[in-house]
C-alpha cells in the first residue's frame, strides 16, 4: 500500500538537522586532515633541509674490499660511516694529507684558513664550490687511534682510509685518496694538498673554475731536477736507475690538482698495474707521463710569501711546506697580505 506524500515530507524534514550536523562534521574532519598534512610536509622539508645542510656527518671511513669477486680482482670501495653515499657534486674536492703526528698542524689550520665547525665548512663550500677534508690512514697503535676518534668526533672533518699511515707508503695513500675521493664526490677537480701550507681557498676556486680546452689536466707548480741517488739524502730514489739523471716535468708535492677525467682513469686501473716510486710527487708525475694529460704550470701554487695573487704559500725551496708550520701558519694569518687581501688584484696591480 503506497505511503501518503505527507509522510515522506515529514521524514525528510525530521532528518534535515541530523544531515546538516553530519555534513559539518565531514567538512571539519576534511579541513583538519588537510592542515595536518600541510604541517607534516612542511616539518619534513625543514628537517630535510637542516639534515642536508649540517646534519650529515662530514667524516667517512673507507675500506677496501680485496676479495676480488666479480670485479676481476680490482679493489672495491666500501663505507663504514657517513650516511647516504651518493656522489656529492662539488667543483673541487681538496684532500688535506695529514698524519698521526700532525695534531698541531691541524689545530693551526683550523685556527687560520680552514673552518673548525660544520657551519663554517658549509659556508666555505657554498662560497667557493670546494669541499675540504683531512685525509688520514690507520695505525696499529691503539692509543693513537683512540685520539684520532676523539678528534673525528669533535671536528668531523676527516676522510679516513683503510691503509697504514706510513711516510714511505705515501704513493699508495695518494692513490687510495684519489679512488676514495672519486667514489664520494662528483668533482671537476681533485686536489691533493699537504697540511703544512697556507692556502687561499677563494683563489684556488677561481683557478679551478677557469675555462680549459683540455679535459685531462694536471695542474701544479711544475719542476725538473737531478734524480737523488744518494741513500743519505731525504728524497733518495731507490729506482733512480730507471729514471736517468734528471726527473721528468712534474708538480711539487705540497699541492696539485687532477681533473675528473684523469682521476677516473686512475680509478679504472688495478692497483698492481701502477709503478710506485719512493717519492709521491714523482710517482704521480710518472703516471701523468703515461696519460694524455695537459701539464698546466702555475707558480702561484708555490709562493714563498703572500702576494696579491698567491694561492698556496710555503717555504720553497728550503722546505717542502712551511718550515715550522704550527707557528708560521698563525703568523701568516695575521698578515693582511695573506688573510685579508682581495681575491683578485686591483687595477693598479695589473
Protein backbone atom coordinates (compact mmCIF):
# COMPACT_ATOMS: atom_id res chain seq x y z
CA UNK A 1 0.00 0.00 0.00
CA UNK A 2 1.59 3.30 -1.05
CA UNK A 3 2.51 5.72 1.72
CA UNK A 4 0.99 9.18 1.77
CA UNK A 5 3.10 12.01 0.27
CA UNK A 6 2.91 13.91 3.54
CA UNK A 7 4.70 11.03 5.27
CA UNK A 8 7.79 11.46 3.07
CA UNK A 9 7.84 15.20 3.61
CA UNK A 10 7.66 14.70 7.38
CA UNK A 11 10.54 12.17 7.34
CA UNK A 12 12.65 14.48 5.19
CA UNK A 13 12.08 17.46 7.45
CA UNK A 14 12.81 15.45 10.60
CA UNK A 15 16.21 14.22 9.21
CA UNK A 16 17.45 17.57 7.87
CA UNK A 17 19.07 18.76 11.18
CA UNK A 18 20.97 15.47 11.55
CA UNK A 19 22.12 15.65 7.95
CA UNK A 20 23.41 19.19 8.42
CA UNK A 21 25.37 18.17 11.51
CA UNK A 22 26.87 15.18 9.67
CA UNK A 23 27.91 17.34 6.72
CA UNK A 24 29.52 19.87 9.06
CA UNK A 25 31.48 17.11 10.80
CA UNK A 26 32.70 15.73 7.49
CA UNK A 27 33.86 19.17 6.37
CA UNK A 28 35.63 19.75 9.72
CA UNK A 29 37.40 16.39 9.54
CA UNK A 30 38.48 17.11 5.96
CA UNK A 31 39.90 20.53 6.82
CA UNK A 32 41.72 19.07 9.85
CA UNK A 33 43.27 16.34 7.69
CA UNK A 34 44.48 18.86 5.11
CA UNK A 35 46.03 21.04 7.82
CA UNK A 36 47.78 18.06 9.42
CA UNK A 37 49.12 17.01 6.02
CA UNK A 38 50.48 20.51 5.31
CA UNK A 39 52.15 20.69 8.73
CA UNK A 40 53.72 17.24 8.31
CA UNK A 41 55.08 18.08 4.85
CA UNK A 42 56.48 21.43 5.97
CA UNK A 43 58.14 19.86 9.00
CA UNK A 44 59.60 17.16 6.80
CA UNK A 45 61.04 19.76 4.46
CA UNK A 46 62.54 21.77 7.29
CA UNK A 47 64.03 18.65 8.81
CA UNK A 48 65.40 17.52 5.46
CA UNK A 49 66.97 20.92 4.82
CA UNK A 50 68.65 21.01 8.22
CA UNK A 51 69.92 17.46 7.81
CA UNK A 52 71.21 18.21 4.34
CA UNK A 53 72.93 21.36 5.47
CA UNK A 54 74.53 20.47 8.75
CA UNK A 55 73.18 17.11 9.92
CA UNK A 56 75.13 14.69 7.70
CA UNK A 57 78.48 13.56 9.07
CA UNK A 58 81.40 15.04 7.18
CA UNK A 59 83.81 12.27 8.13
CA UNK A 60 83.67 8.89 6.46
CA UNK A 61 85.72 5.73 6.78
CA UNK A 62 86.66 3.95 3.56
CA UNK A 63 87.56 0.27 3.50
CA UNK A 64 89.00 -1.74 0.62
CA UNK A 65 87.42 -4.98 -0.47
CA UNK A 66 90.34 -7.06 -1.78
CA UNK A 67 88.38 -10.25 -2.28
CA UNK A 68 88.03 -9.57 -5.98
CA UNK A 69 84.74 -11.25 -6.81
CA UNK A 70 83.03 -10.08 -9.98
CA UNK A 71 85.31 -7.07 -10.29
CA UNK A 72 88.10 -9.20 -11.75
CA UNK A 73 90.44 -8.74 -8.81
CA UNK A 74 90.36 -4.95 -8.70
CA UNK A 75 89.86 -3.33 -5.33
CA UNK A 76 86.40 -2.01 -4.49
CA UNK A 77 85.29 0.63 -2.05
CA UNK A 78 83.07 0.16 0.94
CA UNK A 79 81.93 2.68 3.55
CA UNK A 80 81.84 2.26 7.29
CA UNK A 81 80.04 5.51 8.09
CA UNK A 82 78.80 8.68 6.50
CA UNK A 83 75.11 8.18 5.78
CA UNK A 84 73.95 8.50 2.19
CA UNK A 85 76.84 7.56 -0.10
CA UNK A 86 75.60 9.11 -3.35
CA UNK A 87 78.38 11.07 -5.00
CA UNK A 88 78.18 14.67 -3.88
CA UNK A 89 78.51 17.32 -6.58
CA UNK A 90 81.21 19.95 -5.97
CA UNK A 91 83.53 21.93 -8.21
CA UNK A 92 86.62 20.74 -6.38
CA UNK A 93 87.44 18.29 -3.60
CA UNK A 94 90.55 19.20 -1.57
CA UNK A 95 92.11 16.36 0.41
CA UNK A 96 94.50 17.68 3.04
CA UNK A 97 97.03 14.92 3.62
CA UNK A 98 97.80 14.55 7.32
CA UNK A 99 99.17 12.02 9.79
CA UNK A 100 99.09 10.96 13.42
CA UNK A 101 101.99 13.24 14.33
CA UNK A 102 100.29 16.28 12.80
CA UNK A 103 97.75 17.16 15.50
CA UNK A 104 99.38 20.56 15.96
CA UNK A 105 99.28 21.28 12.24
CA UNK A 106 95.57 20.50 12.07
CA UNK A 107 94.95 22.81 15.03
CA UNK A 108 96.86 25.58 13.25
CA UNK A 109 94.87 25.09 10.04
CA UNK A 110 91.57 25.20 11.93
CA UNK A 111 92.65 28.49 13.51
CA UNK A 112 93.55 30.05 10.16
CA UNK A 113 92.20 29.37 6.67
CA UNK A 114 90.18 26.19 7.33
CA UNK A 115 86.98 26.50 9.43
CA UNK A 116 86.73 24.30 12.52
CA UNK A 117 82.95 23.80 12.55
CA UNK A 118 80.20 22.38 10.32
CA UNK A 119 78.64 25.75 9.61
CA UNK A 120 81.98 27.28 8.67
CA UNK A 121 82.88 24.41 6.34
CA UNK A 122 79.42 24.61 4.79
CA UNK A 123 79.73 28.36 4.18
CA UNK A 124 83.20 27.89 2.68
CA UNK A 125 81.91 25.17 0.36
CA UNK A 126 78.95 27.31 -0.71
CA UNK A 127 81.20 30.33 -1.33
CA UNK A 128 83.96 28.52 -3.25
CA UNK A 129 82.48 25.27 -4.52
CA UNK A 130 85.30 23.42 -2.74
CA UNK A 131 84.92 20.69 -0.14
CA UNK A 132 87.77 20.19 2.34
CA UNK A 133 88.62 17.08 4.37
CA UNK A 134 91.68 15.83 6.22
CA UNK A 135 92.94 12.55 4.73
CA UNK A 136 94.43 10.01 7.10
CA UNK A 137 95.11 6.28 7.22
CA UNK A 138 95.26 3.90 10.17
CA UNK A 139 97.84 2.65 12.66
CA UNK A 140 98.26 -0.38 14.87
CA UNK A 141 98.83 1.94 17.86
CA UNK A 142 95.55 1.71 19.79
CA UNK A 143 96.16 4.92 21.76
CA UNK A 144 96.76 6.94 18.59
CA UNK A 145 93.62 5.53 17.01
CA UNK A 146 91.66 6.41 20.14
CA UNK A 147 92.93 10.00 19.99
CA UNK A 148 92.01 10.20 16.32
CA UNK A 149 88.48 9.01 17.05
CA UNK A 150 88.12 11.77 19.64
CA UNK A 151 89.28 14.37 17.11
CA UNK A 152 86.94 13.00 14.46
CA UNK A 153 84.04 13.16 16.91
CA UNK A 154 84.87 16.75 17.84
CA UNK A 155 85.51 18.22 14.39
CA UNK A 156 84.04 15.68 11.93
CA UNK A 157 86.21 16.81 9.00
CA UNK A 158 88.09 13.65 8.00
CA UNK A 159 88.16 11.10 5.23
CA UNK A 160 89.77 8.00 6.76
CA UNK A 161 91.42 5.38 4.58
CA UNK A 162 91.88 1.72 5.40
CA UNK A 163 95.60 1.92 4.65
CA UNK A 164 98.56 2.04 7.03
CA UNK A 165 99.75 5.60 7.62
CA UNK A 166 103.46 5.47 6.79
CA UNK A 167 105.71 8.08 5.14
CA UNK A 168 107.40 5.51 2.90
CA UNK A 169 103.97 4.45 1.62
CA UNK A 170 102.73 7.89 0.56
CA UNK A 171 102.27 6.91 -3.11
CA UNK A 172 99.90 4.12 -2.00
CA UNK A 173 97.99 6.52 0.25
CA UNK A 174 97.74 9.05 -2.57
CA UNK A 175 96.24 6.51 -4.95
CA UNK A 176 93.82 5.38 -2.24
CA UNK A 177 92.88 9.04 -1.67
CA UNK A 178 92.04 9.69 -5.32
CA UNK A 179 89.98 6.50 -5.55
CA UNK A 180 88.05 7.30 -2.37
CA UNK A 181 87.53 10.96 -3.30
CA UNK A 182 86.23 9.97 -6.74
CA UNK A 183 83.79 7.47 -5.20
CA UNK A 184 82.44 10.04 -2.75
CA UNK A 185 82.47 13.26 -4.79
CA UNK A 186 81.41 14.14 -8.32
CA UNK A 187 84.02 16.84 -8.76
CA UNK A 188 85.60 18.69 -11.66
CA UNK A 189 88.99 18.66 -9.91
CA UNK A 190 90.55 16.59 -7.13
CA UNK A 191 93.22 18.46 -5.21
CA UNK A 192 95.95 16.91 -3.11
CA UNK A 193 97.29 19.36 -0.50
CA UNK A 194 99.62 18.97 2.46
CA UNK A 195 98.76 20.12 5.98
CA UNK A 196 101.75 22.49 6.18
CA UNK A 197 100.87 25.09 3.53
CA UNK A 198 98.95 28.35 3.84
CA UNK A 199 96.12 28.24 1.34
CA UNK A 200 93.69 30.79 -0.09
CA UNK A 201 90.56 28.74 -0.92
CA UNK A 202 88.90 31.65 -2.75
CA UNK A 203 91.79 31.98 -5.20
CA UNK A 204 92.11 28.23 -5.63
CA UNK A 205 88.43 28.19 -6.56
CA UNK A 206 88.95 30.80 -9.26
CA UNK A 207 91.91 28.87 -10.66
CA UNK A 208 89.95 25.62 -10.91
CA UNK A 209 86.94 27.39 -12.44
CA UNK A 210 88.93 28.68 -15.45
CA UNK A 211 87.86 27.55 -18.91
CA UNK A 212 90.15 24.83 -20.29
CA UNK A 213 90.22 23.25 -23.73
CA UNK A 214 91.87 20.04 -22.47
CA UNK A 215 89.65 17.77 -20.37
CA UNK A 216 92.61 15.94 -18.83
CA UNK A 217 94.56 18.44 -16.76
CA UNK A 218 97.48 18.04 -14.37
CA UNK A 219 97.68 21.35 -12.52
CA UNK A 220 100.54 22.34 -10.24
CA UNK A 221 103.79 24.17 -9.74
CA UNK A 222 105.99 22.22 -12.15
CA UNK A 223 109.65 21.35 -11.65
CA UNK A 224 112.55 19.33 -13.01
CA UNK A 225 115.86 18.45 -11.42
CA UNK A 226 118.53 15.82 -10.77
CA UNK A 227 117.48 12.38 -9.54
CA UNK A 228 118.56 11.74 -5.94
CA UNK A 229 120.64 8.56 -6.00
CA UNK A 230 122.48 9.02 -2.69
CA UNK A 231 120.84 6.89 0.06
CA UNK A 232 121.82 9.50 2.64
CA UNK A 233 119.58 12.14 1.06
CA UNK A 234 115.98 12.69 2.22
CA UNK A 235 114.47 12.26 -1.23
CA UNK A 236 116.61 9.26 -2.22
CA UNK A 237 115.08 7.28 -5.06
CA UNK A 238 115.95 3.55 -4.99
CA UNK A 239 114.64 3.17 -8.55
CA UNK A 240 116.72 6.09 -9.78
CA UNK A 241 118.47 3.91 -12.36
CA UNK A 242 115.14 3.69 -14.20
CA UNK A 243 114.75 7.45 -14.33
CA UNK A 244 118.13 8.56 -15.61
CA UNK A 245 119.99 11.62 -14.36
CA UNK A 246 117.12 14.10 -14.37
CA UNK A 247 113.47 13.89 -13.30
CA UNK A 248 110.77 14.49 -15.87
CA UNK A 249 108.46 17.50 -15.51
CA UNK A 250 106.15 17.03 -12.53
CA UNK A 251 104.38 19.09 -9.89
CA UNK A 252 105.75 19.91 -6.46
CA UNK A 253 104.16 17.69 -3.84
CA UNK A 254 102.63 20.21 -1.38
CA UNK A 255 99.68 20.93 -3.70
CA UNK A 256 98.50 19.86 -7.15
CA UNK A 257 95.20 19.03 -8.84
CA UNK A 258 93.95 16.42 -11.29
CA UNK A 259 90.85 16.88 -13.43
CA UNK A 260 87.98 14.42 -13.19
CA UNK A 261 88.89 12.65 -16.45
CA UNK A 262 92.40 11.98 -15.16
CA UNK A 263 91.19 10.62 -11.83
CA UNK A 264 88.55 8.43 -13.50
CA UNK A 265 91.36 6.79 -15.49
CA UNK A 266 93.34 6.16 -12.29
CA UNK A 267 90.27 4.68 -10.62
CA UNK A 268 89.70 2.29 -13.52
CA UNK A 269 93.16 0.74 -13.24
CA UNK A 270 94.08 -2.02 -10.82
CA UNK A 271 96.43 -1.07 -8.01
CA UNK A 272 99.07 -3.59 -9.04
CA UNK A 273 99.29 -2.04 -12.52
CA UNK A 274 100.93 1.12 -11.14
CA UNK A 275 104.68 1.53 -10.69
CA UNK A 276 105.36 3.18 -7.32
CA UNK A 277 108.48 5.28 -6.86
CA UNK A 278 109.74 6.30 -3.44
CA UNK A 279 108.54 9.89 -3.72
CA UNK A 280 104.83 10.57 -4.08
CA UNK A 281 105.14 13.61 -6.36
CA UNK A 282 107.50 11.74 -8.69
CA UNK A 283 105.11 8.79 -8.74
CA UNK A 284 102.15 10.96 -9.75
CA UNK A 285 104.30 12.68 -12.37
CA UNK A 286 105.26 9.31 -13.86
CA UNK A 287 101.60 8.31 -14.14
CA UNK A 288 100.82 11.60 -15.83
CA UNK A 289 103.52 10.92 -18.44
CA UNK A 290 101.71 7.70 -19.34
CA UNK A 291 98.43 9.54 -19.89
CA UNK A 292 97.35 12.14 -22.41
CA UNK A 293 97.26 14.99 -19.89
CA UNK A 294 97.96 18.68 -20.20
CA UNK A 295 100.64 19.88 -17.77
CA UNK A 296 99.46 23.27 -16.51
CA UNK A 297 102.19 25.13 -14.62
CA UNK A 298 101.01 27.75 -12.13
CA UNK A 299 103.64 29.44 -9.95
CA UNK A 300 101.01 30.92 -7.61
CA UNK A 301 100.77 27.46 -6.06
CA UNK A 302 104.33 27.67 -4.73
CA UNK A 303 104.89 31.19 -3.42
CA UNK A 304 107.42 31.80 -0.61
CA UNK A 305 105.35 34.71 0.71
CA UNK A 306 101.84 36.12 0.46
CA UNK A 307 101.18 38.35 -2.55
CA UNK A 308 98.14 39.83 -4.26
CA UNK A 309 97.77 36.64 -6.33
CA UNK A 310 99.36 33.88 -4.24
CA UNK A 311 97.23 30.75 -3.82
CA UNK A 312 99.50 28.50 -1.74
CA UNK A 313 102.36 29.80 0.39
CA UNK A 314 105.20 27.65 1.72
CA UNK A 315 108.92 27.90 2.25
CA UNK A 316 110.09 26.88 -1.20
CA UNK A 317 112.80 25.67 -1.78
CA UNK A 318 114.02 25.42 1.80
CA UNK A 319 111.21 23.12 2.97
CA UNK A 320 108.53 21.05 1.31
CA UNK A 321 105.86 23.08 3.04
CA UNK A 322 106.25 25.66 5.80
CA UNK A 323 109.44 25.00 7.79
CA UNK A 324 107.72 25.47 11.15
CA UNK A 325 104.06 25.12 10.15
CA UNK A 326 102.42 25.25 13.58
CA UNK A 327 104.00 28.63 14.31
CA UNK A 328 104.35 30.02 10.78
CA UNK A 329 100.72 29.31 9.87
CA UNK A 330 99.46 31.55 12.68
CA UNK A 331 101.98 34.27 11.86
CA UNK A 332 100.97 34.37 8.20
CA UNK A 333 97.29 34.53 9.07
CA UNK A 334 97.84 37.76 10.97
CA UNK A 335 99.22 39.44 7.86
CA UNK A 336 96.73 41.38 5.79
CA UNK A 337 98.55 40.31 2.62
CA UNK A 338 97.78 36.68 3.49
CA UNK A 339 94.31 36.59 5.02
CA UNK A 340 92.61 39.86 4.12
CA UNK A 341 93.91 40.92 0.71
CA UNK A 342 91.36 40.98 -2.13
CA UNK A 343 90.69 37.77 -4.02
CA UNK A 344 91.55 39.47 -7.28
CA UNK A 345 94.33 42.02 -7.81
CA UNK A 346 93.24 45.61 -8.20
CA UNK A 347 93.59 47.51 -11.48
CA UNK A 348 96.69 49.19 -10.09
CA UNK A 349 98.38 45.82 -9.62
CA UNK A 350 97.65 44.59 -13.12
